[in-house]
């Protein structure tokens, strides 16, 4: 499960069409973006604010992508092995 910052970044990246397009729009490298998306590091506040601007700019698109992300999370949880 991801934290709220990571989820917001994931949502913005999905809305922007993937990591390559998002790295341009969010003004960061794809390597840094990948680290933040993977949860290895927290994104800086300035980048998070740009991601939130993307989300707030089109709430209807954000809602559609959020539903898709939730379905993917549910699917991953259902297929995860039980320890």
PDB file of N, CA and C in Angstrom:
ATOM      1  N   UNK A   1       0.850  -1.177   0.000  1.00  0.00           N
ATOM      2  CA  UNK A   1       0.000   0.000   0.000  1.00  0.00           C
ATOM      3  C   UNK A   1       0.895   1.240   0.000  1.00  0.00           C
ATOM      4  N   UNK A   2       0.507   2.232  -0.722  1.00  0.00           N
ATOM      5  CA  UNK A   2       1.304   3.440  -0.843  1.00  0.00           C
ATOM      6  C   UNK A   2       0.802   4.522   0.107  1.00  0.00           C
ATOM      7  N   UNK A   3       1.673   5.484   0.390  1.00  0.00           N
ATOM      8  CA  UNK A   3       1.271   6.586   1.250  1.00  0.00           C
ATOM      9  C   UNK A   3       0.558   7.650   0.410  1.00  0.00           C
ATOM     10  N   UNK A   4      -0.097   8.628   1.036  1.00  0.00           N
ATOM     11  CA  UNK A   4      -0.867   9.625   0.275  1.00  0.00           C
ATOM     12  C   UNK A   4      -0.025  10.416  -0.727  1.00  0.00           C
ATOM     13  N   UNK A   5       1.211  10.739  -0.372  1.00  0.00           N
ATOM     14  CA  UNK A   5       2.067  11.481  -1.302  1.00  0.00           C
ATOM     15  C   UNK A   5       2.366  10.639  -2.536  1.00  0.00           C
ATOM     16  N   UNK A   6       2.698   9.384  -2.298  1.00  0.00           N
ATOM     17  CA  UNK A   6       3.003   8.483  -3.404  1.00  0.00           C
ATOM     18  C   UNK A   6       1.760   8.280  -4.277  1.00  0.00           C
ATOM     19  N   UNK A   7       0.606   8.128  -3.659  1.00  0.00           N
ATOM     20  CA  UNK A   7      -0.639   7.934  -4.423  1.00  0.00           C
ATOM     21  C   UNK A   7      -0.942   9.149  -5.289  1.00  0.00           C
ATOM     22  N   UNK A   8      -0.748  10.342  -4.737  1.00  0.00           N
ATOM     23  CA  UNK A   8      -0.990  11.562  -5.521  1.00  0.00           C
ATOM     24  C   UNK A   8      -0.044  11.618  -6.714  1.00  0.00           C
ATOM     25  N   UNK A   9       1.202  11.266  -6.493  1.00  0.00           N
ATOM     26  CA  UNK A   9       2.177  11.273  -7.579  1.00  0.00           C
ATOM     27  C   UNK A   9       1.827  10.217  -8.631  1.00  0.00           C
ATOM     28  N   UNK A  10       1.448   9.037  -8.190  1.00  0.00           N
ATOM     29  CA  UNK A  10       1.039   7.983  -9.117  1.00  0.00           C
ATOM     30  C   UNK A  10      -0.159   8.448  -9.951  1.00  0.00           C
ATOM     31  N   UNK A  11      -1.113   9.079  -9.311  1.00  0.00           N
ATOM     32  CA  UNK A  11      -2.300   9.569 -10.010  1.00  0.00           C
ATOM     33  C   UNK A  11      -1.921  10.619 -11.050  1.00  0.00           C
ATOM     34  N   UNK A  12      -1.077  11.563 -10.673  1.00  0.00           N
ATOM     35  CA  UNK A  12      -0.654  12.600 -11.616  1.00  0.00           C
ATOM     36  C   UNK A  12       0.093  11.994 -12.800  1.00  0.00           C
ATOM     37  N   UNK A  13       0.959  11.033 -12.533  1.00  0.00           N
ATOM     38  CA  UNK A  13       1.713  10.376 -13.611  1.00  0.00           C
ATOM     39  C   UNK A  13       0.748   9.662 -14.560  1.00  0.00           C
ATOM     40  N   UNK A  14      -0.240   8.974 -14.024  1.00  0.00           N
ATOM     41  CA  UNK A  14      -1.236   8.300 -14.863  1.00  0.00           C
ATOM     42  C   UNK A  14      -1.989   9.318 -15.716  1.00  0.00           C
ATOM     43  N   UNK A  15      -2.375  10.421 -15.115  1.00  0.00           N
ATOM     44  CA  UNK A  15      -3.119  11.459 -15.830  1.00  0.00           C
ATOM     45  C   UNK A  15      -2.286  12.075 -16.950  1.00  0.00           C
ATOM     46  N   UNK A  16      -0.987  12.164 -16.736  1.00  0.00           N
ATOM     47  CA  UNK A  16      -0.097  12.789 -17.722  1.00  0.00           C
ATOM     48  C   UNK A  16       0.342  11.816 -18.812  1.00  0.00           C
ATOM     49  N   UNK A  17      -0.005  10.552 -18.693  1.00  0.00           N
ATOM     50  CA  UNK A  17       0.297   9.605 -19.746  1.00  0.00           C
ATOM     51  C   UNK A  17       1.543   8.775 -19.543  1.00  0.00           C
ATOM     52  N   UNK A  18       2.047   8.706 -18.323  1.00  0.00           N
ATOM     53  CA  UNK A  18       3.205   7.866 -18.039  1.00  0.00           C
ATOM     54  C   UNK A  18       4.397   8.661 -17.534  1.00  0.00           C
ATOM     55  N   UNK A  19       5.429   7.912 -17.160  1.00  0.00           N
ATOM     56  CA  UNK A  19       6.592   8.526 -16.516  1.00  0.00           C
ATOM     57  C   UNK A  19       7.354   9.497 -17.408  1.00  0.00           C
ATOM     58  N   UNK A  20       7.516   9.179 -18.684  1.00  0.00           N
ATOM     59  CA  UNK A  20       8.287  10.056 -19.571  1.00  0.00           C
ATOM     60  C   UNK A  20       7.611  11.418 -19.709  1.00  0.00           C
ATOM     61  N   UNK A  21       6.320  11.408 -19.993  1.00  0.00           N
ATOM     62  CA  UNK A  21       5.584  12.667 -20.129  1.00  0.00           C
ATOM     63  C   UNK A  21       5.517  13.401 -18.789  1.00  0.00           C
ATOM     64  N   UNK A  22       5.325  12.657 -17.714  1.00  0.00           N
ATOM     65  CA  UNK A  22       5.215  13.272 -16.397  1.00  0.00           C
ATOM     66  C   UNK A  22       6.529  13.909 -15.970  1.00  0.00           C
ATOM     67  N   UNK A  23       7.650  13.281 -16.285  1.00  0.00           N
ATOM     68  CA  UNK A  23       8.932  13.856 -15.883  1.00  0.00           C
ATOM     69  C   UNK A  23       9.144  15.211 -16.550  1.00  0.00           C
ATOM     70  N   UNK A  24       8.688  15.354 -17.789  1.00  0.00           N
ATOM     71  CA  UNK A  24       8.786  16.655 -18.456  1.00  0.00           C
ATOM     72  C   UNK A  24       7.877  17.686 -17.787  1.00  0.00           C
ATOM     73  N   UNK A  25       6.625  17.320 -17.591  1.00  0.00           N
ATOM     74  CA  UNK A  25       5.654  18.241 -17.007  1.00  0.00           C
ATOM     75  C   UNK A  25       6.009  18.612 -15.573  1.00  0.00           C
ATOM     76  N   UNK A  26       6.482  17.628 -14.808  1.00  0.00           N
ATOM     77  CA  UNK A  26       6.801  17.865 -13.400  1.00  0.00           C
ATOM     78  C   UNK A  26       8.225  18.372 -13.205  1.00  0.00           C
ATOM     79  N   UNK A  27       8.957  18.517 -14.310  1.00  0.00           N
ATOM     80  CA  UNK A  27      10.308  19.078 -14.302  1.00  0.00           C
ATOM     81  C   UNK A  27      11.260  18.296 -13.394  1.00  0.00           C
ATOM     82  N   UNK A  28      11.353  16.992 -13.678  1.00  0.00           N
ATOM     83  CA  UNK A  28      12.255  16.123 -12.929  1.00  0.00           C
ATOM     84  C   UNK A  28      12.764  15.024 -13.860  1.00  0.00           C
ATOM     85  N   UNK A  29      13.759  14.294 -13.423  1.00  0.00           N
ATOM     86  CA  UNK A  29      14.269  13.193 -14.245  1.00  0.00           C
ATOM     87  C   UNK A  29      13.398  11.954 -14.059  1.00  0.00           C
ATOM     88  N   UNK A  30      13.429  11.082 -15.053  1.00  0.00           N
ATOM     89  CA  UNK A  30      12.650   9.848 -14.940  1.00  0.00           C
ATOM     90  C   UNK A  30      13.206   8.957 -13.829  1.00  0.00           C
ATOM     91  N   UNK A  31      14.515   9.027 -13.582  1.00  0.00           N
ATOM     92  CA  UNK A  31      15.114   8.232 -12.508  1.00  0.00           C
ATOM     93  C   UNK A  31      14.611   8.655 -11.139  1.00  0.00           C
ATOM     94  N   UNK A  32      14.583   9.971 -10.900  1.00  0.00           N
ATOM     95  CA  UNK A  32      14.060  10.461  -9.616  1.00  0.00           C
ATOM     96  C   UNK A  32      12.584  10.131  -9.491  1.00  0.00           C
ATOM     97  N   UNK A  33      11.854  10.347 -10.561  1.00  0.00           N
ATOM     98  CA  UNK A  33      10.418  10.065 -10.547  1.00  0.00           C
ATOM     99  C   UNK A  33      10.170   8.594 -10.225  1.00  0.00           C
ATOM    100  N   UNK A  34      10.951   7.724 -10.808  1.00  0.00           N
ATOM    101  CA  UNK A  34      10.817   6.291 -10.552  1.00  0.00           C
ATOM    102  C   UNK A  34      11.076   5.962  -9.083  1.00  0.00           C
ATOM    103  N   UNK A  35      12.068   6.613  -8.485  1.00  0.00           N
ATOM    104  CA  UNK A  35      12.357   6.396  -7.054  1.00  0.00           C
ATOM    105  C   UNK A  35      11.186   6.814  -6.186  1.00  0.00           C
ATOM    106  N   UNK A  36      10.586   7.946  -6.521  1.00  0.00           N
ATOM    107  CA  UNK A  36       9.449   8.427  -5.730  1.00  0.00           C
ATOM    108  C   UNK A  36       8.225   7.545  -5.948  1.00  0.00           C
ATOM    109  N   UNK A  37       8.011   7.112  -7.180  1.00  0.00           N
ATOM    110  CA  UNK A  37       6.860   6.249  -7.459  1.00  0.00           C
ATOM    111  C   UNK A  37       6.998   4.896  -6.771  1.00  0.00           C
ATOM    112  N   UNK A  38       8.225   4.414  -6.666  1.00  0.00           N
ATOM    113  CA  UNK A  38       8.464   3.131  -6.011  1.00  0.00           C
ATOM    114  C   UNK A  38       8.441   3.209  -4.501  1.00  0.00           C
ATOM    115  N   UNK A  39       8.309   4.414  -3.972  1.00  0.00           N
ATOM    116  CA  UNK A  39       8.238   4.586  -2.527  1.00  0.00           C
ATOM    117  C   UNK A  39       9.576   4.527  -1.823  1.00  0.00           C
ATOM    118  N   UNK A  40      10.665   4.511  -2.606  1.00  0.00           N
ATOM    119  CA  UNK A  40      11.991   4.459  -1.980  1.00  0.00           C
ATOM    120  C   UNK A  40      12.346   5.787  -1.326  1.00  0.00           C
ATOM    121  N   UNK A  41      11.822   6.867  -1.890  1.00  0.00           N
ATOM    122  CA  UNK A  41      12.044   8.210  -1.350  1.00  0.00           C
ATOM    123  C   UNK A  41      10.736   8.980  -1.419  1.00  0.00           C
ATOM    124  N   UNK A  42      10.572   9.945  -0.519  1.00  0.00           N
ATOM    125  CA  UNK A  42       9.419  10.841  -0.605  1.00  0.00           C
ATOM    126  C   UNK A  42       9.760  11.963  -1.577  1.00  0.00           C
ATOM    127  N   UNK A  43       8.807  12.349  -2.427  1.00  0.00           N
ATOM    128  CA  UNK A  43       9.078  13.445  -3.352  1.00  0.00           C
ATOM    129  C   UNK A  43       9.187  14.770  -2.602  1.00  0.00           C
ATOM    130  N   UNK A  44       9.957  15.711  -3.157  1.00  0.00           N
ATOM    131  CA  UNK A  44      10.020  17.025  -2.518  1.00  0.00           C
ATOM    132  C   UNK A  44       8.654  17.716  -2.592  1.00  0.00           C
ATOM    133  N   UNK A  45       8.416  18.598  -1.665  1.00  0.00           N
ATOM    134  CA  UNK A  45       7.125  19.285  -1.595  1.00  0.00           C
ATOM    135  C   UNK A  45       6.836  20.042  -2.890  1.00  0.00           C
ATOM    136  N   UNK A  46       7.843  20.662  -3.490  1.00  0.00           N
ATOM    137  CA  UNK A  46       7.617  21.419  -4.727  1.00  0.00           C
ATOM    138  C   UNK A  46       7.097  20.520  -5.846  1.00  0.00           C
ATOM    139  N   UNK A  47       7.635  19.324  -5.956  1.00  0.00           N
ATOM    140  CA  UNK A  47       7.168  18.388  -6.983  1.00  0.00           C
ATOM    141  C   UNK A  47       5.767  17.890  -6.646  1.00  0.00           C
ATOM    142  N   UNK A  48       5.533  17.622  -5.385  1.00  0.00           N
ATOM    143  CA  UNK A  48       4.212  17.170  -4.962  1.00  0.00           C
ATOM    144  C   UNK A  48       3.162  18.238  -5.263  1.00  0.00           C
ATOM    145  N   UNK A  49       3.508  19.496  -5.075  1.00  0.00           N
ATOM    146  CA  UNK A  49       2.571  20.583  -5.371  1.00  0.00           C
ATOM    147  C   UNK A  49       2.273  20.648  -6.871  1.00  0.00           C
ATOM    148  N   UNK A  50       3.276  20.421  -7.709  1.00  0.00           N
ATOM    149  CA  UNK A  50       3.036  20.397  -9.159  1.00  0.00           C
ATOM    150  C   UNK A  50       2.133  19.215  -9.521  1.00  0.00           C
ATOM    151  N   UNK A  51       2.343  18.068  -8.874  1.00  0.00           N
ATOM    152  CA  UNK A  51       1.490  16.903  -9.122  1.00  0.00           C
ATOM    153  C   UNK A  51       0.047  17.199  -8.696  1.00  0.00           C
ATOM    154  N   UNK A  52      -0.112  17.845  -7.576  1.00  0.00           N
ATOM    155  CA  UNK A  52      -1.465  18.192  -7.116  1.00  0.00           C
ATOM    156  C   UNK A  52      -2.128  19.188  -8.057  1.00  0.00           C
ATOM    157  N   UNK A  53      -1.356  20.105  -8.630  1.00  0.00           N
ATOM    158  CA  UNK A  53      -1.906  21.035  -9.621  1.00  0.00           C
ATOM    159  C   UNK A  53      -2.465  20.272 -10.823  1.00  0.00           C
ATOM    160  N   UNK A  54      -1.743  19.236 -11.258  1.00  0.00           N
ATOM    161  CA  UNK A  54      -2.205  18.411 -12.377  1.00  0.00           C
ATOM    162  C   UNK A  54      -3.541  17.768 -12.015  1.00  0.00           C
ATOM    163  N   UNK A  55      -3.630  17.221 -10.817  1.00  0.00           N
ATOM    164  CA  UNK A  55      -4.844  16.544 -10.364  1.00  0.00           C
ATOM    165  C   UNK A  55      -6.013  17.531 -10.271  1.00  0.00           C
ATOM    166  N   UNK A  56      -5.758  18.690  -9.677  1.00  0.00           N
ATOM    167  CA  UNK A  56      -6.826  19.674  -9.480  1.00  0.00           C
ATOM    168  C   UNK A  56      -7.247  20.360 -10.772  1.00  0.00           C
ATOM    169  N   UNK A  57      -6.379  20.313 -11.783  1.00  0.00           N
ATOM    170  CA  UNK A  57      -6.693  20.953 -13.055  1.00  0.00           C
ATOM    171  C   UNK A  57      -7.808  20.221 -13.801  1.00  0.00           C
ATOM    172  N   UNK A  58      -7.959  18.925 -13.567  1.00  0.00           N
ATOM    173  CA  UNK A  58      -9.001  18.147 -14.237  1.00  0.00           C
ATOM    174  C   UNK A  58      -9.555  17.094 -13.278  1.00  0.00           C
ATOM    175  N   UNK A  59     -10.434  17.524 -12.367  1.00  0.00           N
ATOM    176  CA  UNK A  59     -10.947  16.596 -11.353  1.00  0.00           C
ATOM    177  C   UNK A  59     -11.695  15.393 -11.927  1.00  0.00           C
ATOM    178  N   UNK A  60     -12.374  15.568 -13.054  1.00  0.00           N
ATOM    179  CA  UNK A  60     -13.101  14.434 -13.646  1.00  0.00           C
ATOM    180  C   UNK A  60     -12.118  13.372 -14.138  1.00  0.00           C
ATOM    181  N   UNK A  61     -11.060  13.798 -14.805  1.00  0.00           N
ATOM    182  CA  UNK A  61     -10.045  12.852 -15.262  1.00  0.00           C
ATOM    183  C   UNK A  61      -9.350  12.204 -14.064  1.00  0.00           C
ATOM    184  N   UNK A  62      -9.089  12.984 -13.036  1.00  0.00           N
ATOM    185  CA  UNK A  62      -8.453  12.453 -11.825  1.00  0.00           C
ATOM    186  C   UNK A  62      -9.332  11.373 -11.196  1.00  0.00           C
ATOM    187  N   UNK A  63     -10.631  11.609 -11.156  1.00  0.00           N
ATOM    188  CA  UNK A  63     -11.552  10.624 -10.570  1.00  0.00           C
ATOM    189  C   UNK A  63     -11.544   9.324 -11.363  1.00  0.00           C
ATOM    190  N   UNK A  64     -11.540   9.436 -12.693  1.00  0.00           N
ATOM    191  CA  UNK A  64     -11.511   8.219 -13.520  1.00  0.00           C
ATOM    192  C   UNK A  64     -10.225   7.427 -13.283  1.00  0.00           C
ATOM    193  N   UNK A  65      -9.103   8.130 -13.243  1.00  0.00           N
ATOM    194  CA  UNK A  65      -7.836   7.445 -13.015  1.00  0.00           C
ATOM    195  C   UNK A  65      -7.758   6.871 -11.598  1.00  0.00           C
ATOM    196  N   UNK A  66      -8.317   7.575 -10.626  1.00  0.00           N
ATOM    197  CA  UNK A  66      -8.311   7.076  -9.255  1.00  0.00           C
ATOM    198  C   UNK A  66      -9.088   5.765  -9.154  1.00  0.00           C
ATOM    199  N   UNK A  67     -10.206   5.672  -9.865  1.00  0.00           N
ATOM    200  CA  UNK A  67     -10.995   4.436  -9.877  1.00  0.00           C
ATOM    201  C   UNK A  67     -10.179   3.301 -10.493  1.00  0.00           C
ATOM    202  N   UNK A  68      -9.494   3.594 -11.602  1.00  0.00           N
ATOM    203  CA  UNK A  68      -8.666   2.570 -12.243  1.00  0.00           C
ATOM    204  C   UNK A  68      -7.531   2.120 -11.332  1.00  0.00           C
ATOM    205  N   UNK A  69      -6.889   3.065 -10.648  1.00  0.00           N
ATOM    206  CA  UNK A  69      -5.808   2.708  -9.727  1.00  0.00           C
ATOM    207  C   UNK A  69      -6.319   1.868  -8.566  1.00  0.00           C
ATOM    208  N   UNK A  70      -7.494   2.200  -8.048  1.00  0.00           N
ATOM    209  CA  UNK A  70      -8.076   1.428  -6.949  1.00  0.00           C
ATOM    210  C   UNK A  70      -8.385  -0.001  -7.410  1.00  0.00           C
ATOM    211  N   UNK A  71      -8.871  -0.123  -8.632  1.00  0.00           N
ATOM    212  CA  UNK A  71      -9.162  -1.468  -9.161  1.00  0.00           C
ATOM    213  C   UNK A  71      -7.869  -2.267  -9.322  1.00  0.00           C
ATOM    214  N   UNK A  72      -6.803  -1.621  -9.779  1.00  0.00           N
ATOM    215  CA  UNK A  72      -5.519  -2.305  -9.908  1.00  0.00           C
ATOM    216  C   UNK A  72      -5.001  -2.745  -8.543  1.00  0.00           C
ATOM    217  N   UNK A  73      -5.140  -1.883  -7.531  1.00  0.00           N
ATOM    218  CA  UNK A  73      -4.711  -2.243  -6.176  1.00  0.00           C
ATOM    219  C   UNK A  73      -5.500  -3.446  -5.662  1.00  0.00           C
ATOM    220  N   UNK A  74      -6.797  -3.439  -5.907  1.00  0.00           N
ATOM    221  CA  UNK A  74      -7.648  -4.534  -5.452  1.00  0.00           C
ATOM    222  C   UNK A  74      -7.259  -5.834  -6.152  1.00  0.00           C
ATOM    223  N   UNK A  75      -6.985  -5.736  -7.446  1.00  0.00           N
ATOM    224  CA  UNK A  75      -6.577  -6.910  -8.218  1.00  0.00           C
ATOM    225  C   UNK A  75      -5.247  -7.467  -7.698  1.00  0.00           C
ATOM    226  N   UNK A  76      -4.301  -6.560  -7.415  1.00  0.00           N
ATOM    227  CA  UNK A  76      -2.989  -7.001  -6.878  1.00  0.00           C
ATOM    228  C   UNK A  76      -3.165  -7.670  -5.523  1.00  0.00           C
ATOM    229  N   UNK A  77      -4.021  -7.105  -4.686  1.00  0.00           N
ATOM    230  CA  UNK A  77      -4.252  -7.672  -3.353  1.00  0.00           C
ATOM    231  C   UNK A  77      -4.871  -9.061  -3.447  1.00  0.00           C
ATOM    232  N   UNK A  78      -5.783  -9.223  -4.390  1.00  0.00           N
ATOM    233  CA  UNK A  78      -6.466 -10.510  -4.546  1.00  0.00           C
ATOM    234  C   UNK A  78      -5.513 -11.589  -5.065  1.00  0.00           C
ATOM    235  N   UNK A  79      -4.535 -11.199  -5.860  1.00  0.00           N
ATOM    236  CA  UNK A  79      -3.633 -12.188  -6.435  1.00  0.00           C
ATOM    237  C   UNK A  79      -2.342 -12.368  -5.613  1.00  0.00           C
ATOM    238  N   UNK A  80      -2.192 -11.588  -4.555  1.00  0.00           N
ATOM    239  CA  UNK A  80      -0.985 -11.700  -3.722  1.00  0.00           C
ATOM    240  C   UNK A  80      -1.019 -12.990  -2.934  1.00  0.00           C
ATOM    241  N   UNK A  81       0.115 -13.667  -2.847  1.00  0.00           N
ATOM    242  CA  UNK A  81       0.161 -14.908  -2.060  1.00  0.00           C
ATOM    243  C   UNK A  81      -0.033 -14.626  -0.568  1.00  0.00           C
ATOM    244  N   UNK A  82      -0.695 -15.529   0.085  1.00  0.00           N
ATOM    245  CA  UNK A  82      -0.930 -15.402   1.528  1.00  0.00           C
ATOM    246  C   UNK A  82       0.230 -16.090   2.248  1.00  0.00           C
ATOM    247  N   UNK A  83       0.817 -15.379   3.190  1.00  0.00           N
ATOM    248  CA  UNK A  83       1.985 -15.924   3.937  1.00  0.00           C
ATOM    249  C   UNK A  83       1.560 -16.540   5.230  1.00  0.00           C
TER     250      UNK A  83
END
